[in-house]
Protein backbone atom coordinates (compact mmCIF):
# COMPACT_ATOMS: atom_id res chain seq x y z
CA UNK A 1 171.59 205.00 -6.69
CA UNK A 2 171.68 208.37 -4.16
CA UNK A 3 173.39 211.98 -4.94
CA UNK A 4 175.72 211.21 -2.06
CA UNK A 5 177.55 207.65 -3.87
CA UNK A 6 180.85 207.84 -4.99
CA UNK A 7 181.77 205.12 -7.83
CA UNK A 8 184.99 203.79 -8.45
CA UNK A 9 185.20 203.43 -12.36
CA UNK A 10 188.79 202.56 -12.82
CA UNK A 11 192.52 202.48 -11.30
CA UNK A 12 195.55 202.22 -11.97
CA UNK A 13 199.04 200.89 -10.60
CA UNK A 14 202.55 200.45 -10.80
CA UNK A 15 204.60 198.66 -8.38
CA UNK A 16 207.42 195.90 -8.03
CA UNK A 17 205.17 193.47 -8.96
CA UNK A 18 203.69 194.86 -12.44
CA UNK A 19 203.72 198.11 -14.30
CA UNK A 20 200.23 197.94 -14.48
CA UNK A 21 196.77 196.39 -12.69
CA UNK A 22 196.80 193.26 -14.57
CA UNK A 23 200.43 192.55 -14.20
CA UNK A 24 200.00 192.88 -10.63
CA UNK A 25 196.83 190.60 -10.60
CA UNK A 26 198.99 187.95 -12.67
CA UNK A 27 202.11 188.28 -10.19
CA UNK A 28 199.40 187.49 -7.05
CA UNK A 29 197.62 184.58 -9.10
CA UNK A 30 201.22 182.85 -9.86
CA UNK A 31 202.51 183.60 -6.43
CA UNK A 32 205.43 186.17 -7.14
CA UNK A 33 206.25 188.48 -4.92
CA UNK A 34 208.78 191.18 -5.88
CA UNK A 35 211.44 191.30 -3.25
CA UNK A 36 214.83 191.49 -4.68
CA UNK A 37 218.66 192.92 -4.27
CA UNK A 38 218.11 196.98 -5.17
CA UNK A 39 219.08 197.56 -8.94
CA UNK A 40 218.15 201.27 -9.24
CA UNK A 41 218.70 202.78 -5.77
CA UNK A 42 222.61 203.21 -5.03
CA UNK A 43 223.04 202.70 -1.12
CA UNK A 44 225.63 201.03 1.20
CA UNK A 45 222.80 199.22 2.27
CA UNK A 46 222.51 197.18 -1.35
CA UNK A 47 223.07 193.56 0.08
CA UNK A 48 221.61 194.20 3.79
CA UNK A 49 217.82 194.34 2.70
CA UNK A 50 215.35 193.12 0.29
CA UNK A 51 213.68 195.93 -1.59
CA UNK A 52 210.64 195.96 -3.87
CA UNK A 53 211.66 198.40 -6.58
CA UNK A 54 209.66 199.27 -10.01
CA UNK A 55 211.40 196.88 -12.41
CA UNK A 56 211.99 199.82 -15.17
CA UNK A 57 214.70 202.71 -14.95
CA UNK A 58 213.74 206.31 -15.16
CA UNK A 59 214.43 206.38 -18.90
CA UNK A 60 211.58 203.85 -19.49
CA UNK A 61 209.55 205.46 -16.66
CA UNK A 62 209.62 208.60 -18.78
CA UNK A 63 208.69 206.97 -22.17
CA UNK A 64 205.73 205.50 -20.10
CA UNK A 65 204.39 209.02 -18.33
CA UNK A 66 205.42 211.51 -20.76
CA UNK A 67 207.27 213.60 -18.58
CA UNK A 68 211.12 214.04 -19.18
CA UNK A 69 213.69 211.30 -17.28
CA UNK A 70 215.38 213.84 -15.26
CA UNK A 71 212.23 214.62 -13.35
CA UNK A 72 211.79 212.70 -9.89
CA UNK A 73 211.08 209.28 -9.90
CA UNK A 74 208.27 209.85 -7.75
CA UNK A 75 206.53 212.05 -10.47
CA UNK A 76 207.63 209.70 -13.22
CA UNK A 77 205.78 206.35 -10.81
CA UNK A 78 202.58 209.01 -10.48
CA UNK A 79 202.18 209.76 -13.98
CA UNK A 80 201.89 206.10 -15.42
CA UNK A 81 199.74 205.29 -12.50
CA UNK A 82 197.03 208.35 -13.02
CA UNK A 83 197.57 207.85 -16.92
CA UNK A 84 196.41 203.91 -16.27
CA UNK A 85 193.43 204.80 -13.85
CA UNK A 86 192.27 207.93 -16.19
CA UNK A 87 192.15 205.23 -19.39
CA UNK A 88 190.48 202.49 -17.47
CA UNK A 89 187.21 204.41 -16.55
CA UNK A 90 186.96 205.30 -20.07
CA UNK A 91 185.72 208.56 -20.03
CA UNK A 92 187.71 210.27 -22.86
CA UNK A 93 188.60 213.97 -22.73
CA UNK A 94 189.66 215.00 -19.39
CA UNK A 95 189.05 219.02 -20.07
CA UNK A 96 185.50 217.68 -20.60
CA UNK A 97 184.57 217.52 -17.01
CA UNK A 98 185.57 219.32 -14.08
CA UNK A 99 188.82 217.24 -12.59
CA UNK A 100 190.26 216.79 -9.44
CA UNK A 101 193.70 215.20 -8.94
CA UNK A 102 194.15 214.60 -4.86
CA UNK A 103 197.71 212.97 -4.87
CA UNK A 104 199.88 211.97 -1.56
CA UNK A 105 203.28 211.26 -1.08
CA UNK A 106 205.97 211.70 1.77
CA UNK A 107 209.04 211.66 0.04
CA UNK A 108 208.29 214.09 -2.43
CA UNK A 109 211.72 214.67 -4.95
CA UNK A 110 214.37 213.57 -2.23
CA UNK A 111 216.01 210.84 -4.92
CA UNK A 112 216.76 214.02 -7.16
CA UNK A 113 217.59 215.89 -4.13
CA UNK A 114 219.97 213.30 -2.40
CA UNK A 115 221.93 213.14 -6.04
CA UNK A 116 222.19 217.06 -6.00
CA UNK A 117 224.09 216.75 -2.63
CA UNK A 118 226.42 214.35 -3.77
CA UNK A 119 227.56 216.35 -6.78
CA UNK A 120 227.46 219.35 -4.68
CA UNK A 121 229.49 218.40 -1.55
CA UNK A 122 232.33 217.71 -4.10
CA UNK A 123 231.97 220.87 -6.31
CA UNK A 124 229.65 223.31 -5.15
CA UNK A 125 229.30 224.91 -8.57
CA UNK A 126 228.05 221.97 -10.49
CA UNK A 127 225.07 221.04 -8.94
CA UNK A 128 222.29 221.50 -11.39
CA UNK A 129 219.44 223.37 -9.46
CA UNK A 130 217.01 221.77 -12.00
CA UNK A 131 217.33 218.31 -10.01
CA UNK A 132 215.89 219.87 -6.52
CA UNK A 133 213.06 222.67 -7.76
CA UNK A 134 210.53 219.61 -7.27
CA UNK A 135 212.24 218.82 -4.03
CA UNK A 136 208.98 219.35 -2.15
CA UNK A 137 205.67 216.84 -1.68
CA UNK A 138 203.40 219.21 -3.52
CA UNK A 139 205.59 219.94 -6.53
CA UNK A 140 205.27 216.12 -7.92
CA UNK A 141 201.36 216.21 -7.78
CA UNK A 142 201.45 219.90 -9.90
CA UNK A 143 204.07 218.03 -12.15
CA UNK A 144 201.16 215.22 -13.06
CA UNK A 145 198.40 217.21 -13.03
CA UNK A 146 200.49 219.45 -15.51
CA UNK A 147 200.77 216.05 -17.96
CA UNK A 148 197.39 215.03 -17.62
CA UNK A 149 195.78 218.20 -18.02
CA UNK A 150 193.77 218.89 -15.24
CA UNK A 151 193.20 222.50 -13.72
CA UNK A 152 190.37 222.41 -11.72
CA UNK A 153 191.38 221.07 -8.57
CA UNK A 154 194.95 219.91 -7.24
CA UNK A 155 196.01 218.86 -3.80
CA UNK A 156 198.32 217.17 -1.94
CA UNK A 157 198.29 215.08 1.64
CA UNK A 158 201.23 214.05 3.43
CA UNK A 159 200.06 212.23 6.57
CA UNK A 160 202.77 209.16 6.15
CA UNK A 161 201.72 205.68 5.47
CA UNK A 162 197.81 206.43 5.76
CA UNK A 163 198.33 209.62 3.15
CA UNK A 164 196.97 207.89 -0.18
CA UNK A 165 193.62 206.92 1.95
CA UNK A 166 193.60 210.48 3.23
CA UNK A 167 193.60 211.66 -0.24
CA UNK A 168 191.05 209.18 -1.40
CA UNK A 169 188.78 210.58 1.75
CA UNK A 170 189.23 214.02 0.55
CA UNK A 171 188.60 213.09 -2.96
CA UNK A 172 185.33 211.55 -2.08
CA UNK A 173 184.12 214.71 -0.10
CA UNK A 174 184.97 216.90 -2.74
CA UNK A 175 182.63 215.01 -5.09
CA UNK A 176 180.17 214.88 -2.37
CA UNK A 177 179.82 218.51 -2.35
CA UNK A 178 179.49 219.01 -5.94
CA UNK A 179 183.12 220.83 -5.94
CA UNK A 180 184.59 218.11 -9.11
CA UNK A 181 182.88 215.69 -11.67
CA UNK A 182 185.85 213.46 -11.71
CA UNK A 183 188.51 212.77 -8.83
CA UNK A 184 191.46 211.21 -9.47
CA UNK A 185 192.79 210.35 -6.04
CA UNK A 186 195.76 208.20 -4.24
CA UNK A 187 199.39 208.21 -4.32
CA UNK A 188 203.22 207.75 -5.15
CA UNK A 189 206.45 207.26 -3.16
CA UNK A 190 209.57 206.21 -4.99
CA UNK A 191 212.54 204.47 -2.61
CA UNK A 192 215.24 207.13 -1.69
CA UNK A 193 218.22 206.67 0.67
CA UNK A 194 216.53 209.10 3.15
CA UNK A 195 213.73 206.83 3.65
CA UNK A 196 216.16 203.11 3.59
CA UNK A 197 218.43 204.64 5.81
CA UNK A 198 215.23 206.38 8.40
CA UNK A 199 213.68 202.98 8.62
CA UNK A 200 217.03 201.00 9.12
CA UNK A 201 217.68 203.59 12.09
CA UNK A 202 214.28 202.80 13.32
CA UNK A 203 215.70 199.15 13.25
CA UNK A 204 212.18 197.89 11.43
CA UNK A 205 213.66 196.29 8.36
CA UNK A 206 213.84 193.03 7.89
CA UNK A 207 216.90 191.57 5.97
CA UNK A 208 214.72 188.78 4.63
CA UNK A 209 211.82 188.90 2.65
CA UNK A 210 208.85 190.31 4.99
CA UNK A 211 206.29 188.16 6.83
CA UNK A 212 202.93 190.05 7.71
CA UNK A 213 201.51 188.46 10.67
CA UNK A 214 203.96 185.45 10.67
CA UNK A 215 205.09 185.10 14.67
CA UNK A 216 208.49 185.07 12.84
CA UNK A 217 208.58 188.34 11.37
CA UNK A 218 210.85 190.88 12.26
CA UNK A 219 210.32 193.95 10.32
CA UNK A 220 208.85 195.22 6.67
CA UNK A 221 210.77 195.76 3.14
CA UNK A 222 210.41 198.94 1.77
CA UNK A 223 208.99 199.22 -1.87
CA UNK A 224 208.07 201.69 -4.03
CA UNK A 225 205.29 202.78 -6.75
CA UNK A 226 201.91 204.45 -7.21
CA UNK A 227 198.38 204.18 -7.18
CA UNK A 228 194.94 205.80 -7.65
CA UNK A 229 191.35 205.06 -8.17
CA UNK A 230 189.07 207.42 -10.38
CA UNK A 231 185.76 208.31 -8.73
CA UNK A 232 182.73 209.99 -9.86
CA UNK A 233 179.61 211.25 -8.40
CA UNK A 234 176.03 210.18 -8.68
CA UNK A 235 175.16 212.43 -11.59
CA UNK A 236 178.38 211.75 -13.80
CA UNK A 237 177.77 207.75 -13.25
CA UNK A 238 174.05 208.41 -14.90
CA UNK A 239 175.17 210.34 -17.86
CA UNK A 240 178.14 208.10 -18.93
CA UNK A 241 177.53 205.00 -20.08
CA UNK A 242 180.40 202.92 -18.01
CA UNK A 243 179.59 199.89 -15.52
CA UNK A 244 181.44 200.70 -12.46
CA UNK A 245 184.05 198.55 -10.80
CA UNK A 246 182.36 199.44 -7.26
CA UNK A 247 181.40 201.89 -4.71
CA UNK A 248 183.13 203.86 -1.97
CA UNK A 249 180.82 203.51 0.64
CA UNK A 250 182.35 204.07 3.94
CA UNK A 251 185.89 205.78 5.11
CA UNK A 252 187.21 207.25 8.62
CA UNK A 253 190.27 208.53 10.12
CA UNK A 254 191.17 208.35 13.50
CA UNK A 255 194.52 209.28 15.60
CA UNK A 256 195.47 207.66 18.56
CA UNK A 257 198.73 209.95 19.12
CA UNK A 258 200.00 206.96 21.48
CA UNK A 259 204.07 207.17 19.84
CA UNK A 260 205.64 208.91 16.68
CA UNK A 261 206.24 205.93 15.02
CA UNK A 262 204.30 203.37 16.78
CA UNK A 263 200.80 201.57 17.00
CA UNK A 264 199.25 202.01 20.30
CA UNK A 265 199.59 198.23 21.79
CA UNK A 266 196.11 197.80 22.19
CA UNK A 267 195.03 199.32 18.69
CA UNK A 268 192.74 201.75 19.60
CA UNK A 269 193.41 203.95 16.63
CA UNK A 270 192.91 200.97 14.25
CA UNK A 271 190.14 199.56 16.08
CA UNK A 272 188.17 203.17 15.89
CA UNK A 273 189.35 203.61 11.82
CA UNK A 274 187.80 200.39 10.90
CA UNK A 275 184.29 200.56 13.10
CA UNK A 276 183.43 204.20 11.77
CA UNK A 277 184.42 203.59 8.27
CA UNK A 278 181.77 200.73 8.46
CA UNK A 279 179.42 202.59 10.46
CA UNK A 280 179.42 205.16 7.12
CA UNK A 281 179.32 202.18 5.00
CA UNK A 282 176.20 200.91 6.73
CA UNK A 283 177.44 197.74 7.09
CA UNK A 284 177.85 195.11 10.00
CA UNK A 285 180.44 192.92 10.88
CA UNK A 286 179.62 189.67 9.44
CA UNK A 287 178.84 191.73 6.09
CA UNK A 288 182.40 192.31 5.13
CA UNK A 289 184.00 190.26 2.49
CA UNK A 290 187.69 190.77 2.71
CA UNK A 291 190.10 193.08 4.37
CA UNK A 292 193.62 194.21 2.84
CA UNK A 293 195.62 194.55 6.32
CA UNK A 294 198.14 197.34 6.39
CA UNK A 295 199.91 194.13 7.41
CA UNK A 296 203.44 195.93 7.69
CA UNK A 297 205.34 193.10 8.99
CA UNK A 298 206.83 194.47 11.93
CA UNK A 299 206.59 193.33 15.50
CA UNK A 300 204.19 196.29 16.53
CA UNK A 301 201.99 197.00 13.67
CA UNK A 302 200.88 193.32 13.46
CA UNK A 303 199.66 192.46 16.63
CA UNK A 304 197.99 195.91 17.08
CA UNK A 305 195.62 195.45 13.97
CA UNK A 306 194.92 192.16 15.04
CA UNK A 307 193.97 193.04 18.36
CA UNK A 308 192.07 195.61 16.95
CA UNK A 309 190.44 193.29 14.37
CA UNK A 310 189.85 190.77 16.75
CA UNK A 311 187.94 193.43 18.85
CA UNK A 312 185.92 194.13 16.35
CA UNK A 313 185.32 191.19 14.55
CA UNK A 314 185.22 188.64 17.38
CA UNK A 315 185.59 185.16 16.45
CA UNK A 316 184.14 185.75 13.01
CA UNK A 317 186.88 187.37 11.43
CA UNK A 318 186.49 187.56 7.72
CA UNK A 319 189.05 186.72 5.19
CA UNK A 320 192.38 188.66 5.59
CA UNK A 321 195.88 189.24 3.97
CA UNK A 322 198.74 191.68 3.17
CA UNK A 323 199.41 192.60 -0.34
CA UNK A 324 202.62 194.31 1.69
CA UNK A 325 203.70 190.68 1.41
CA UNK A 326 203.86 191.38 -2.55
CA UNK A 327 204.56 194.96 -2.78
CA UNK A 328 206.80 195.92 -0.29
CA UNK A 329 205.73 198.97 2.01
CA UNK A 330 205.25 201.74 -0.55
CA UNK A 331 204.58 204.25 2.37
CA UNK A 332 202.45 207.03 0.95
CA UNK A 333 201.27 205.46 -1.78
CA UNK A 334 200.23 201.91 0.04
CA UNK A 335 197.14 203.20 0.52
CA UNK A 336 196.27 204.42 -3.12
CA UNK A 337 197.56 200.79 -4.59
CA UNK A 338 196.06 199.22 -2.03
CA UNK A 339 193.00 201.00 -2.64
CA UNK A 340 193.22 199.63 -6.78
CA UNK A 341 193.20 195.72 -5.24
CA UNK A 342 190.87 196.31 -3.03
CA UNK A 343 188.21 198.01 -5.58
CA UNK A 344 189.28 195.49 -8.28
CA UNK A 345 188.88 192.49 -5.82
CA UNK A 346 185.06 193.92 -5.52
CA UNK A 347 184.86 194.11 -8.97
CA UNK A 348 186.16 190.36 -9.65
CA UNK A 349 185.75 188.39 -6.67
CA UNK A 350 189.25 188.29 -5.99
CA UNK A 351 191.08 187.32 -2.54
CA UNK A 352 194.68 188.01 -2.23
CA UNK A 353 197.27 185.83 -0.27
CA UNK A 354 199.51 186.69 2.39
CA UNK A 355 202.69 185.34 0.99
CA UNK A 356 205.32 183.08 3.12
CA UNK A 357 202.91 182.71 6.18
CA UNK A 358 204.04 179.89 8.13
CA UNK A 359 203.61 180.34 11.97
CA UNK A 360 200.17 181.37 13.72
CA UNK A 361 200.97 184.27 15.66
CA UNK A 362 200.23 183.59 19.55
CA UNK A 363 198.24 186.39 20.49
CA UNK A 364 195.74 186.15 17.41
CA UNK A 365 193.01 183.27 16.71
CA UNK A 366 193.16 184.17 12.83
CA UNK A 367 195.50 183.44 10.07
CA UNK A 368 195.22 185.10 7.03
CA UNK A 369 194.60 183.69 3.57
CA UNK A 370 197.84 182.05 1.74
CA UNK A 371 196.27 180.95 -1.90
CA UNK A 372 194.84 183.33 -4.49
CA UNK A 373 191.41 182.72 -5.63
CA UNK A 374 188.71 184.27 -7.71
CA UNK A 375 184.83 183.73 -8.16
CA UNK A 376 183.90 184.29 -4.29
CA UNK A 377 181.25 186.25 -3.60
CA UNK A 378 182.86 189.77 -2.64
CA UNK A 379 180.26 192.48 -1.27
CA UNK A 380 182.28 194.49 0.65
CA UNK A 381 186.28 195.06 1.38
CA UNK A 382 188.09 196.85 3.44
CA UNK A 383 191.70 198.31 3.06
CA UNK A 384 193.57 199.30 6.06
CA UNK A 385 196.43 202.11 6.05
CA UNK A 386 197.93 202.89 9.62
CA UNK A 387 200.77 205.85 9.97
CA UNK A 388 203.27 207.08 12.02
CA UNK A 389 202.10 209.29 14.85
CA UNK A 390 198.54 206.95 14.77
CA UNK A 391 197.19 208.50 11.72
CA UNK A 392 194.82 205.57 11.47
CA UNK A 393 192.68 205.01 7.99
CA UNK A 394 190.33 202.57 6.92
CA UNK A 395 187.96 202.60 3.15
CA UNK A 396 185.18 200.37 2.72
CA UNK A 397 184.61 199.53 -0.98
CA UNK A 398 180.88 197.50 -1.55
CA UNK A 399 179.36 195.98 -4.90
CA UNK A 400 177.14 198.07 -6.96
CA UNK A 401 173.60 197.63 -5.88
CA UNK A 402 170.34 197.82 -7.80
CA UNK A 403 168.19 201.43 -6.56
């Protein structure tokens, strides 16, 4: 162990393929992606685009989260996943540690704001202000921190689709600088008309189930959910009698600033994020066991990411897949959800399938994993999260090693 080691003790996820981590793994194992017609979001596009909603209404989420049902769905999802993460870490009373919550989101309480204005436009005396007081992204984090009893450090990150990965990076830095003992880091986002209409305007939504890294891909499916990992410093790891899931050994953020909503064709931001994360982890390309791709299913993203991977790994690309082919693109939550999947992959030796892949991309010489497998030798896993504006982040999780 080193004083700079960051240990992952647990994680929690709620998304369109499961209300907790075991349910999500079961969905991968049984090849059950979560795409369906929207049930909980009201939209004129209901029958136009499949989405990946969490299979629970706000009343059910309120029971799981301990928050009132009138609170934003973004906060409800966050609290459910963060609670599972803390419980899985087996650290006991949260007040016994200096705990930080670093949570990402991009939509805040927009779901409640949308409903408020629909009522307000019809009758400006009928709108309930309690539904819009948590509109901003930071309010969501504060609601969840209060529910969990976290007082030491609370931060919100919002950098588009790399938000959760950047939250995890920031959390690791808090630990390394001895500002906290434990960090719950990740992110959350609920589906809203704001995001659905926005992505529809960009013309990157698929009218069928998405097909990341398939030559026939035409866009992404939006999803929702939350995902968090619990990280501790080496000092705490040595004090508690708990076997860690893995270590967070490397991370990096790079911004190619190519376009507001598109990745650079040569994937330079993607390449730099992956390269620098591996450099921090102290590993070479041949040491990488698996990559959970950003893999949205858009023409631009998959080509850009694939080009960067071929540049970095050459002809020896490790097993890769996009779990967004199951969960959809959960935006600000994606990096947190996929970080949990990556950590579990290291812990359990899992490789996740890339659903609906059937046509090799002409521009790439590698193809993704298409079946779930376990018992693999997994030493290092990379999780990629690439956002609008060229904000590219990569995380590396590694197996525990002996001193």
